Amino acid sequence: MGLKYSQNVSLFLQRVIIGIFTLFVTTVANASSLVDHVSMSKEGRQEKILISFNQPVFYLYHTPGKSTNSTLIGLKTVKSTSSSGNSYHQALTTAHSEYISDMEIFSEAGFNTHMYLQFRTPVNITIKQGSDLRSIIIILKPGI
C-alpha cells in the first residue's frame, strides 16, 4: 500500500503543478493581449485611430486635450489586466501615424488602465467610446 499511495500522491501533485502552470500561462497570455488591433485612417490632415480590445473597456477621460505633445487616457477594464497584483505594460505599433511617435498601455494592478500617447507635433485630440464597448476612437488634428 505504501508504494501505491506514494505513486497516487506523486500523480496528484504532477496534475496540480500542471494545472497551476496552465492557469498562470493563460492569465499571462490574456494580460499580454489586451489590445486586439490598432487601425488608422486619414482624412485630409485629420487622423482617426481605432483601438480594439479583447475585452470590454470603458473610456473614462484624457488629459490634456488641446494642442498637446502628449496625452494620458484613462480606461476601465472589466477583467483585471494584471495578474497577482503585478504591473502590466504593452507598447503598440504606430508606424503609419503622421502624429503619434509613441503609444503604450499600462496598469499598476487591477482594473484601472492607462494609455499614454506621445506626439511628434502638437495635436488636438478627441476620444470617443466605441459602440461595441471593446474599442475607443481617437481623432487627431494638427494643433496650434
N, C-alpha and C. Protein backbone atom coordinates (compact mmCIF):
# COMPACT_ATOMS: atom_id res chain seq x y z
N MET A 1 0.81 -1.19 0.00
CA MET A 1 0.00 0.00 0.00
C MET A 1 0.86 1.26 0.00
N GLY A 2 2.02 1.21 0.59
CA GLY A 2 2.90 2.38 0.66
C GLY A 2 3.35 2.85 -0.71
N LEU A 3 3.75 1.93 -1.58
CA LEU A 3 4.21 2.30 -2.91
C LEU A 3 3.05 2.83 -3.76
N LYS A 4 1.91 2.20 -3.71
CA LYS A 4 0.73 2.64 -4.47
C LYS A 4 0.28 4.03 -4.00
N TYR A 5 0.28 4.25 -2.69
CA TYR A 5 -0.11 5.55 -2.13
C TYR A 5 0.88 6.63 -2.61
N SER A 6 2.16 6.33 -2.57
CA SER A 6 3.19 7.27 -2.99
C SER A 6 3.04 7.62 -4.47
N GLN A 7 2.72 6.64 -5.30
CA GLN A 7 2.53 6.88 -6.72
C GLN A 7 1.29 7.76 -6.97
N ASN A 8 0.21 7.52 -6.22
CA ASN A 8 -1.01 8.32 -6.35
C ASN A 8 -0.77 9.77 -5.94
N VAL A 9 -0.02 9.97 -4.85
CA VAL A 9 0.29 11.32 -4.39
C VAL A 9 1.16 12.02 -5.42
N SER A 10 2.14 11.32 -5.96
CA SER A 10 3.02 11.88 -6.98
C SER A 10 2.23 12.29 -8.22
N LEU A 11 1.33 11.44 -8.66
CA LEU A 11 0.49 11.73 -9.82
C LEU A 11 -0.41 12.93 -9.53
N PHE A 12 -0.99 12.97 -8.35
CA PHE A 12 -1.84 14.09 -7.94
C PHE A 12 -1.05 15.40 -7.96
N LEU A 13 0.15 15.40 -7.38
CA LEU A 13 0.98 16.61 -7.34
C LEU A 13 1.38 17.05 -8.75
N GLN A 14 1.67 16.11 -9.62
CA GLN A 14 2.01 16.46 -11.00
C GLN A 14 0.84 17.17 -11.67
N ARG A 15 -0.37 16.66 -11.46
CA ARG A 15 -1.56 17.27 -12.06
C ARG A 15 -1.82 18.66 -11.49
N VAL A 16 -1.61 18.83 -10.20
CA VAL A 16 -1.79 20.15 -9.58
C VAL A 16 -0.79 21.14 -10.16
N ILE A 17 0.47 20.74 -10.29
CA ILE A 17 1.50 21.63 -10.83
C ILE A 17 1.19 21.98 -12.28
N ILE A 18 0.78 21.02 -13.08
CA ILE A 18 0.41 21.29 -14.47
C ILE A 18 -0.79 22.24 -14.52
N GLY A 19 -1.78 22.04 -13.65
CA GLY A 19 -2.95 22.91 -13.61
C GLY A 19 -2.58 24.33 -13.25
N ILE A 20 -1.72 24.50 -12.25
CA ILE A 20 -1.29 25.85 -11.83
C ILE A 20 -0.50 26.50 -12.96
N PHE A 21 0.39 25.77 -13.59
CA PHE A 21 1.18 26.31 -14.70
C PHE A 21 0.27 26.73 -15.85
N THR A 22 -0.71 25.91 -16.19
CA THR A 22 -1.65 26.23 -17.27
C THR A 22 -2.44 27.49 -16.94
N LEU A 23 -2.90 27.61 -15.71
CA LEU A 23 -3.63 28.79 -15.28
C LEU A 23 -2.75 30.02 -15.38
N PHE A 24 -1.49 29.92 -14.94
CA PHE A 24 -0.56 31.05 -14.99
C PHE A 24 -0.31 31.47 -16.43
N VAL A 25 -0.04 30.53 -17.31
CA VAL A 25 0.24 30.83 -18.71
C VAL A 25 -0.98 31.47 -19.36
N THR A 26 -2.18 30.97 -19.08
CA THR A 26 -3.40 31.54 -19.64
C THR A 26 -3.59 32.97 -19.16
N THR A 27 -3.36 33.24 -17.87
CA THR A 27 -3.51 34.58 -17.32
C THR A 27 -2.52 35.53 -17.97
N VAL A 28 -1.27 35.14 -18.09
CA VAL A 28 -0.26 35.99 -18.70
C VAL A 28 -0.60 36.24 -20.17
N ALA A 29 -1.03 35.22 -20.89
CA ALA A 29 -1.38 35.40 -22.30
C ALA A 29 -2.53 36.37 -22.45
N ASN A 30 -3.55 36.28 -21.58
CA ASN A 30 -4.68 37.19 -21.66
C ASN A 30 -4.26 38.62 -21.36
N ALA A 31 -3.40 38.79 -20.35
CA ALA A 31 -2.94 40.13 -19.99
C ALA A 31 -2.09 40.74 -21.09
N SER A 32 -1.28 39.93 -21.75
CA SER A 32 -0.38 40.47 -22.75
C SER A 32 -1.09 40.84 -24.04
N SER A 33 -2.34 40.47 -24.18
CA SER A 33 -3.05 40.77 -25.41
C SER A 33 -4.32 41.57 -25.16
N LEU A 34 -4.24 42.55 -24.28
CA LEU A 34 -5.40 43.41 -24.03
C LEU A 34 -5.84 44.11 -25.31
N VAL A 35 -4.88 44.61 -26.08
CA VAL A 35 -5.19 45.28 -27.34
C VAL A 35 -5.22 44.24 -28.45
N ASP A 36 -6.37 44.13 -29.12
CA ASP A 36 -6.52 43.19 -30.23
C ASP A 36 -5.83 43.73 -31.48
N HIS A 37 -6.17 44.96 -31.86
CA HIS A 37 -5.50 45.56 -33.01
C HIS A 37 -5.72 47.07 -33.02
N VAL A 38 -4.86 47.74 -33.77
CA VAL A 38 -4.92 49.19 -33.95
C VAL A 38 -5.03 49.45 -35.45
N SER A 39 -6.03 50.23 -35.85
CA SER A 39 -6.13 50.60 -37.26
C SER A 39 -6.18 52.12 -37.38
N MET A 40 -5.62 52.64 -38.46
CA MET A 40 -5.54 54.09 -38.66
C MET A 40 -6.05 54.45 -40.05
N SER A 41 -6.68 55.61 -40.13
CA SER A 41 -7.09 56.14 -41.43
C SER A 41 -6.91 57.65 -41.40
N LYS A 42 -6.76 58.23 -42.60
CA LYS A 42 -6.57 59.68 -42.72
C LYS A 42 -7.65 60.28 -43.59
N GLU A 43 -8.06 61.47 -43.21
CA GLU A 43 -8.99 62.27 -44.00
C GLU A 43 -8.45 63.68 -43.99
N GLY A 44 -7.79 64.07 -45.06
CA GLY A 44 -7.13 65.37 -45.07
C GLY A 44 -6.00 65.38 -44.05
N ARG A 45 -6.03 66.36 -43.14
CA ARG A 45 -4.99 66.44 -42.10
C ARG A 45 -5.46 65.80 -40.80
N GLN A 46 -6.63 65.20 -40.81
CA GLN A 46 -7.17 64.52 -39.62
C GLN A 46 -6.82 63.04 -39.66
N GLU A 47 -6.44 62.51 -38.51
CA GLU A 47 -6.09 61.09 -38.41
C GLU A 47 -7.05 60.43 -37.42
N LYS A 48 -7.61 59.30 -37.83
CA LYS A 48 -8.55 58.55 -36.97
C LYS A 48 -7.91 57.21 -36.62
N ILE A 49 -7.82 56.94 -35.32
CA ILE A 49 -7.22 55.70 -34.82
C ILE A 49 -8.30 54.91 -34.09
N LEU A 50 -8.49 53.67 -34.50
CA LEU A 50 -9.43 52.78 -33.83
C LEU A 50 -8.60 51.75 -33.07
N ILE A 51 -8.76 51.71 -31.76
CA ILE A 51 -8.06 50.72 -30.94
C ILE A 51 -9.10 49.74 -30.44
N SER A 52 -8.96 48.48 -30.86
CA SER A 52 -9.88 47.41 -30.47
C SER A 52 -9.24 46.56 -29.38
N PHE A 53 -10.03 46.23 -28.37
CA PHE A 53 -9.55 45.46 -27.23
C PHE A 53 -10.16 44.05 -27.23
N ASN A 54 -9.54 43.16 -26.48
CA ASN A 54 -10.01 41.77 -26.37
C ASN A 54 -11.03 41.58 -25.25
N GLN A 55 -11.44 42.65 -24.63
CA GLN A 55 -12.45 42.60 -23.57
C GLN A 55 -13.12 43.97 -23.52
N PRO A 56 -14.27 44.08 -22.86
CA PRO A 56 -14.89 45.39 -22.73
C PRO A 56 -13.98 46.37 -21.98
N VAL A 57 -13.86 47.56 -22.54
CA VAL A 57 -13.03 48.62 -21.96
C VAL A 57 -13.85 49.91 -22.00
N PHE A 58 -13.90 50.59 -20.88
CA PHE A 58 -14.67 51.83 -20.79
C PHE A 58 -13.72 53.03 -20.80
N TYR A 59 -13.97 53.94 -21.72
CA TYR A 59 -13.19 55.18 -21.80
C TYR A 59 -13.66 56.08 -20.65
N LEU A 60 -12.72 56.58 -19.84
CA LEU A 60 -13.04 57.44 -18.71
C LEU A 60 -12.70 58.90 -18.97
N TYR A 61 -11.46 59.18 -19.40
CA TYR A 61 -11.02 60.56 -19.58
C TYR A 61 -9.73 60.59 -20.39
N HIS A 62 -9.34 61.77 -20.80
CA HIS A 62 -7.99 62.01 -21.31
C HIS A 62 -7.58 63.42 -20.91
N THR A 63 -6.30 63.59 -20.75
CA THR A 63 -5.78 64.89 -20.34
C THR A 63 -4.37 65.09 -20.88
N PRO A 64 -4.00 66.25 -21.35
CA PRO A 64 -4.86 67.35 -21.81
C PRO A 64 -5.42 67.03 -23.19
N GLY A 65 -6.25 67.93 -23.72
CA GLY A 65 -6.89 67.67 -24.99
C GLY A 65 -6.62 68.70 -26.06
N LYS A 66 -6.14 69.85 -25.70
CA LYS A 66 -5.93 70.94 -26.66
C LYS A 66 -4.44 71.15 -26.90
N SER A 67 -4.06 71.20 -28.15
CA SER A 67 -2.70 71.49 -28.59
C SER A 67 -1.65 70.94 -27.63
N THR A 68 -1.49 69.63 -27.65
CA THR A 68 -0.61 68.94 -26.71
C THR A 68 0.41 68.06 -27.43
N ASN A 69 1.54 67.82 -26.78
CA ASN A 69 2.57 66.92 -27.31
C ASN A 69 2.43 65.51 -26.75
N SER A 70 1.57 65.33 -25.75
CA SER A 70 1.32 64.01 -25.17
C SER A 70 -0.02 64.03 -24.46
N THR A 71 -0.59 62.86 -24.27
CA THR A 71 -1.85 62.77 -23.54
C THR A 71 -1.91 61.45 -22.78
N LEU A 72 -2.64 61.46 -21.69
CA LEU A 72 -2.87 60.27 -20.88
C LEU A 72 -4.36 59.95 -20.95
N ILE A 73 -4.67 58.71 -21.31
CA ILE A 73 -6.06 58.28 -21.45
C ILE A 73 -6.37 57.30 -20.33
N GLY A 74 -7.44 57.56 -19.58
CA GLY A 74 -7.88 56.67 -18.52
C GLY A 74 -8.93 55.70 -19.03
N LEU A 75 -8.72 54.42 -18.76
CA LEU A 75 -9.63 53.36 -19.18
C LEU A 75 -9.98 52.48 -17.99
N LYS A 76 -11.12 51.84 -18.04
CA LYS A 76 -11.54 50.88 -17.03
C LYS A 76 -11.82 49.56 -17.73
N THR A 77 -11.15 48.50 -17.30
CA THR A 77 -11.37 47.18 -17.89
C THR A 77 -12.32 46.38 -17.02
N VAL A 78 -13.01 45.43 -17.64
CA VAL A 78 -13.93 44.57 -16.90
C VAL A 78 -13.15 43.48 -16.18
N LYS A 79 -12.13 42.94 -16.86
CA LYS A 79 -11.26 41.94 -16.25
C LYS A 79 -9.94 42.60 -15.90
N SER A 80 -9.31 42.13 -14.86
CA SER A 80 -8.02 42.68 -14.46
C SER A 80 -7.00 42.49 -15.58
N THR A 81 -6.17 43.52 -15.82
CA THR A 81 -5.14 43.43 -16.85
C THR A 81 -3.83 42.92 -16.29
N SER A 82 -3.75 42.75 -14.98
CA SER A 82 -2.52 42.24 -14.39
C SER A 82 -2.86 41.15 -13.41
N SER A 83 -2.03 40.13 -13.39
CA SER A 83 -2.27 39.00 -12.51
C SER A 83 -1.46 39.16 -11.23
N SER A 84 -2.00 38.74 -10.14
CA SER A 84 -1.32 38.72 -8.84
C SER A 84 -0.77 40.08 -8.44
N GLY A 85 -1.45 41.16 -8.85
CA GLY A 85 -1.02 42.49 -8.44
C GLY A 85 0.20 43.01 -9.19
N ASN A 86 0.65 42.31 -10.20
CA ASN A 86 1.80 42.76 -10.97
C ASN A 86 1.38 43.87 -11.92
N SER A 87 2.35 44.68 -12.34
CA SER A 87 2.05 45.71 -13.31
C SER A 87 1.98 45.10 -14.71
N TYR A 88 1.35 45.82 -15.61
CA TYR A 88 1.13 45.35 -16.98
C TYR A 88 1.57 46.45 -17.92
N HIS A 89 2.25 46.11 -19.01
CA HIS A 89 2.71 47.10 -19.97
C HIS A 89 2.69 46.50 -21.37
N GLN A 90 2.22 47.27 -22.34
CA GLN A 90 2.23 46.84 -23.72
C GLN A 90 2.52 48.04 -24.61
N ALA A 91 3.57 47.96 -25.41
CA ALA A 91 3.88 49.00 -26.39
C ALA A 91 3.12 48.66 -27.67
N LEU A 92 2.56 49.69 -28.30
CA LEU A 92 1.76 49.48 -29.51
C LEU A 92 2.46 50.09 -30.72
N THR A 93 2.30 49.46 -31.86
CA THR A 93 2.93 49.93 -33.09
C THR A 93 2.17 51.11 -33.68
N THR A 94 2.90 52.14 -34.06
CA THR A 94 2.30 53.34 -34.64
C THR A 94 3.04 53.76 -35.90
N ALA A 95 3.57 52.82 -36.64
CA ALA A 95 4.41 53.11 -37.80
C ALA A 95 3.72 53.97 -38.85
N HIS A 96 2.40 53.85 -39.00
CA HIS A 96 1.70 54.55 -40.07
C HIS A 96 1.09 55.87 -39.63
N SER A 97 1.36 56.29 -38.41
CA SER A 97 0.78 57.53 -37.92
C SER A 97 1.68 58.72 -38.23
N GLU A 98 1.07 59.78 -38.76
CA GLU A 98 1.81 61.01 -39.01
C GLU A 98 2.10 61.74 -37.70
N TYR A 99 1.22 61.58 -36.71
CA TYR A 99 1.32 62.37 -35.49
C TYR A 99 1.90 61.61 -34.29
N ILE A 100 1.59 60.32 -34.16
CA ILE A 100 1.97 59.58 -32.95
C ILE A 100 3.38 59.02 -33.09
N SER A 101 4.23 59.31 -32.10
CA SER A 101 5.57 58.74 -32.11
C SER A 101 5.69 57.58 -31.13
N ASP A 102 4.84 57.55 -30.10
CA ASP A 102 4.92 56.50 -29.09
C ASP A 102 3.53 56.25 -28.52
N MET A 103 3.14 54.98 -28.38
CA MET A 103 1.85 54.63 -27.80
C MET A 103 2.06 53.43 -26.89
N GLU A 104 1.67 53.57 -25.61
CA GLU A 104 1.83 52.50 -24.64
C GLU A 104 0.57 52.38 -23.82
N ILE A 105 0.29 51.17 -23.36
CA ILE A 105 -0.82 50.93 -22.46
C ILE A 105 -0.27 50.22 -21.23
N PHE A 106 -0.72 50.65 -20.05
CA PHE A 106 -0.17 50.07 -18.82
C PHE A 106 -1.17 50.17 -17.68
N SER A 107 -0.96 49.33 -16.67
CA SER A 107 -1.73 49.42 -15.43
C SER A 107 -0.82 48.96 -14.30
N GLU A 108 -1.06 49.51 -13.14
CA GLU A 108 -0.27 49.12 -11.97
C GLU A 108 -0.81 47.83 -11.38
N ALA A 109 -2.10 47.72 -11.25
CA ALA A 109 -2.74 46.49 -10.76
C ALA A 109 -4.24 46.68 -10.89
N GLY A 110 -4.92 45.61 -11.19
CA GLY A 110 -6.37 45.66 -11.18
C GLY A 110 -6.99 46.13 -12.47
N PHE A 111 -8.06 46.93 -12.34
CA PHE A 111 -8.92 47.24 -13.46
C PHE A 111 -8.68 48.62 -14.07
N ASN A 112 -7.93 49.49 -13.40
CA ASN A 112 -7.65 50.81 -13.93
C ASN A 112 -6.44 50.74 -14.86
N THR A 113 -6.65 51.12 -16.09
CA THR A 113 -5.64 51.02 -17.12
C THR A 113 -5.45 52.39 -17.75
N HIS A 114 -4.24 52.68 -18.17
CA HIS A 114 -3.95 53.96 -18.80
C HIS A 114 -3.23 53.73 -20.12
N MET A 115 -3.49 54.64 -21.05
CA MET A 115 -2.79 54.63 -22.32
C MET A 115 -2.07 55.96 -22.43
N TYR A 116 -0.81 55.91 -22.80
CA TYR A 116 -0.01 57.11 -22.96
C TYR A 116 0.33 57.28 -24.42
N LEU A 117 0.09 58.48 -24.96
CA LEU A 117 0.41 58.78 -26.35
C LEU A 117 1.37 59.96 -26.40
N GLN A 118 2.45 59.81 -27.13
CA GLN A 118 3.43 60.88 -27.36
C GLN A 118 3.32 61.28 -28.82
N PHE A 119 3.28 62.59 -29.08
CA PHE A 119 3.08 63.07 -30.45
C PHE A 119 4.33 63.74 -31.00
N ARG A 120 4.50 63.67 -32.32
CA ARG A 120 5.65 64.29 -32.99
C ARG A 120 5.51 65.82 -33.00
N THR A 121 4.28 66.29 -33.16
CA THR A 121 3.98 67.72 -33.17
C THR A 121 2.73 67.93 -32.32
N PRO A 122 2.47 69.14 -31.86
CA PRO A 122 1.25 69.38 -31.07
C PRO A 122 -0.01 69.02 -31.87
N VAL A 123 -0.96 68.37 -31.19
CA VAL A 123 -2.23 67.97 -31.82
C VAL A 123 -3.39 68.32 -30.90
N ASN A 124 -4.56 68.45 -31.50
CA ASN A 124 -5.81 68.50 -30.76
C ASN A 124 -6.38 67.09 -30.82
N ILE A 125 -6.85 66.60 -29.71
CA ILE A 125 -7.27 65.21 -29.62
C ILE A 125 -8.72 65.11 -29.14
N THR A 126 -9.48 64.24 -29.77
CA THR A 126 -10.85 63.91 -29.36
C THR A 126 -10.90 62.40 -29.23
N ILE A 127 -11.53 61.91 -28.15
CA ILE A 127 -11.64 60.47 -27.94
C ILE A 127 -13.08 60.11 -27.67
N LYS A 128 -13.56 59.03 -28.30
CA LYS A 128 -14.92 58.55 -28.09
C LYS A 128 -14.90 57.06 -27.78
N GLN A 129 -15.87 56.63 -27.00
CA GLN A 129 -16.06 55.21 -26.74
C GLN A 129 -16.63 54.56 -27.99
N GLY A 130 -16.11 53.39 -28.36
CA GLY A 130 -16.66 52.64 -29.48
C GLY A 130 -18.03 52.09 -29.12
N SER A 131 -18.90 51.93 -30.10
CA SER A 131 -20.27 51.46 -29.83
C SER A 131 -20.30 50.01 -29.33
N ASP A 132 -19.23 49.25 -29.60
CA ASP A 132 -19.20 47.86 -29.17
C ASP A 132 -18.64 47.67 -27.76
N LEU A 133 -18.23 48.75 -27.11
CA LEU A 133 -17.61 48.75 -25.77
C LEU A 133 -16.31 47.94 -25.73
N ARG A 134 -15.76 47.63 -26.88
CA ARG A 134 -14.47 46.93 -26.97
C ARG A 134 -13.49 47.76 -27.79
N SER A 135 -13.77 49.05 -27.93
CA SER A 135 -12.88 49.90 -28.71
C SER A 135 -13.01 51.35 -28.28
N ILE A 136 -11.98 52.12 -28.63
CA ILE A 136 -12.05 53.57 -28.50
C ILE A 136 -11.60 54.15 -29.83
N ILE A 137 -12.11 55.35 -30.12
CA ILE A 137 -11.79 56.04 -31.36
C ILE A 137 -11.06 57.32 -30.98
N ILE A 138 -9.87 57.49 -31.52
CA ILE A 138 -9.06 58.69 -31.24
C ILE A 138 -8.97 59.49 -32.53
N ILE A 139 -9.33 60.76 -32.47
CA ILE A 139 -9.24 61.64 -33.63
C ILE A 139 -8.21 62.71 -33.34
N LEU A 140 -7.22 62.83 -34.23
CA LEU A 140 -6.14 63.78 -34.07
C LEU A 140 -6.20 64.81 -35.19
N LYS A 141 -6.02 66.08 -34.82
CA LYS A 141 -5.94 67.17 -35.78
C LYS A 141 -4.72 68.00 -35.42
N PRO A 142 -4.12 68.66 -36.39
CA PRO A 142 -2.95 69.49 -36.07
C PRO A 142 -3.29 70.54 -35.01
N GLY A 143 -2.42 70.70 -34.04
CA GLY A 143 -2.61 71.71 -33.00
C GLY A 143 -2.03 73.04 -33.43
N ILE A 144 -2.24 74.04 -32.60
CA ILE A 144 -1.75 75.40 -32.92
C ILE A 144 -0.36 75.56 -32.36
